[in-house]
Structure formats: structure tokens, C-alpha cells
Protein backbone atom coordinates (compact mmCIF):
# COMPACT_ATOMS: atom_id res chain seq x y z
CA MET A 1 119.56 101.99 114.89
CA LEU A 2 117.09 99.53 116.37
CA GLU A 3 116.53 101.68 119.45
CA LEU A 4 115.83 104.72 117.26
CA THR A 5 113.36 102.66 115.25
CA LYS A 6 111.54 101.64 118.42
CA LYS A 7 111.26 105.27 119.52
CA ILE A 8 109.88 106.27 116.13
CA LEU A 9 107.28 103.50 116.18
CA VAL A 10 106.11 104.55 119.63
CA LYS A 11 105.74 108.14 118.43
CA VAL A 12 103.78 107.26 115.27
CA SER A 13 101.65 104.53 116.82
CA PHE A 14 98.66 106.89 116.97
CA ASP A 15 98.17 106.44 113.21
CA ALA A 16 97.91 103.03 111.53
CA LYS A 17 99.24 104.15 108.13
CA LEU A 18 102.23 105.94 109.62
CA PHE A 19 102.92 102.97 111.86
CA GLN A 20 102.89 100.57 108.92
CA LYS A 21 105.09 102.86 106.82
CA GLU A 22 107.70 103.24 109.58
CA LEU A 23 107.60 99.54 110.42
CA LEU A 24 108.32 98.63 106.82
CA LYS A 25 111.15 101.18 106.61
CA SER A 26 112.68 99.83 109.78
CA LEU A 27 112.59 96.28 108.49
CA ASN A 28 114.48 97.37 105.39
CA TRP A 29 117.32 98.60 107.64
CA ILE A 30 117.61 95.46 109.72
CA THR A 31 119.58 92.73 108.01
CA ASP A 32 120.30 90.21 110.77
CA ALA A 33 117.64 87.47 110.99
CA GLU A 34 117.97 87.15 114.76
CA GLU A 35 117.57 90.90 115.20
CA ILE A 36 114.43 90.84 113.03
CA LYS A 37 113.01 88.08 115.21
CA ARG A 38 113.69 90.05 118.42
CA PHE A 39 112.23 93.16 116.81
CA GLN A 40 109.09 91.26 115.80
CA GLU A 41 108.67 89.98 119.35
CA TRP A 42 109.05 93.53 120.68
CA CYS A 43 106.44 94.81 118.18
CA ILE A 44 103.98 92.12 119.23
CA VAL A 45 104.44 92.93 122.91
CA GLU A 46 104.21 96.70 122.43
CA PHE A 47 101.62 96.98 119.63
CA GLY A 48 100.11 93.52 119.18
CA ALA A 49 96.83 94.49 120.77
CA LYS A 50 96.49 97.61 118.62
CA TYR A 51 97.91 96.56 115.24
CA PRO A 52 98.09 92.76 115.04
CA LYS A 53 97.22 92.59 111.34
CA ILE A 54 99.72 95.27 110.33
CA ILE A 55 102.52 93.58 112.26
CA LYS A 56 101.74 90.14 110.86
CA LYS A 57 101.38 91.40 107.28
CA THR A 58 104.51 93.57 107.33
CA PHE A 59 106.76 90.90 108.81
CA ALA A 60 105.35 88.36 106.34
CA GLN A 61 106.16 90.71 103.44
CA VAL A 62 109.72 91.09 104.61
CA SER A 63 110.12 87.34 105.08
CA LEU A 64 108.82 86.65 101.59
CA SER A 65 111.02 89.29 99.96
CA SER A 66 114.14 87.96 101.71
CA ILE A 67 113.35 84.42 100.51
CA ARG A 68 112.96 85.61 96.93
CA ASN A 69 116.25 87.57 96.92
């Protein structure tokens, strides 16, 4: 599932709103903390120059929601 998510993010990376929407959806699918960390590192490498705020904000939202639950 993670590889499919990466392909989708690459394809929608032309649009910031689509990218953020798909990133959030993908983070709802991933449940393993280590996998989320690797995925975040991949996102930073691939899209960090283009969407640093979106990546930071979205991963922070997911971290906060997992702490609350």
C-alpha cells in the first residue's frame, strides 16, 4: 500500500491541495509508527523543497491525533 501511495503522491504533486489531501489520506492508512517515520523521510526527500509546510503540518496533525486517541 505504501508504494501505491508514493506513486499517487508523485502524480498529484503538481497541485498543492491535491497533494495535501492525498498525503493525509495515506497517513490514515499507515498504522505502524516506524513506517510513518520512513514515509515522512521519503516525503521530505521527494517533496521537501516544493511543499515543506504541507508536509510538516500534515505529519504534525497525524502525530497529534494519534496521541489523543
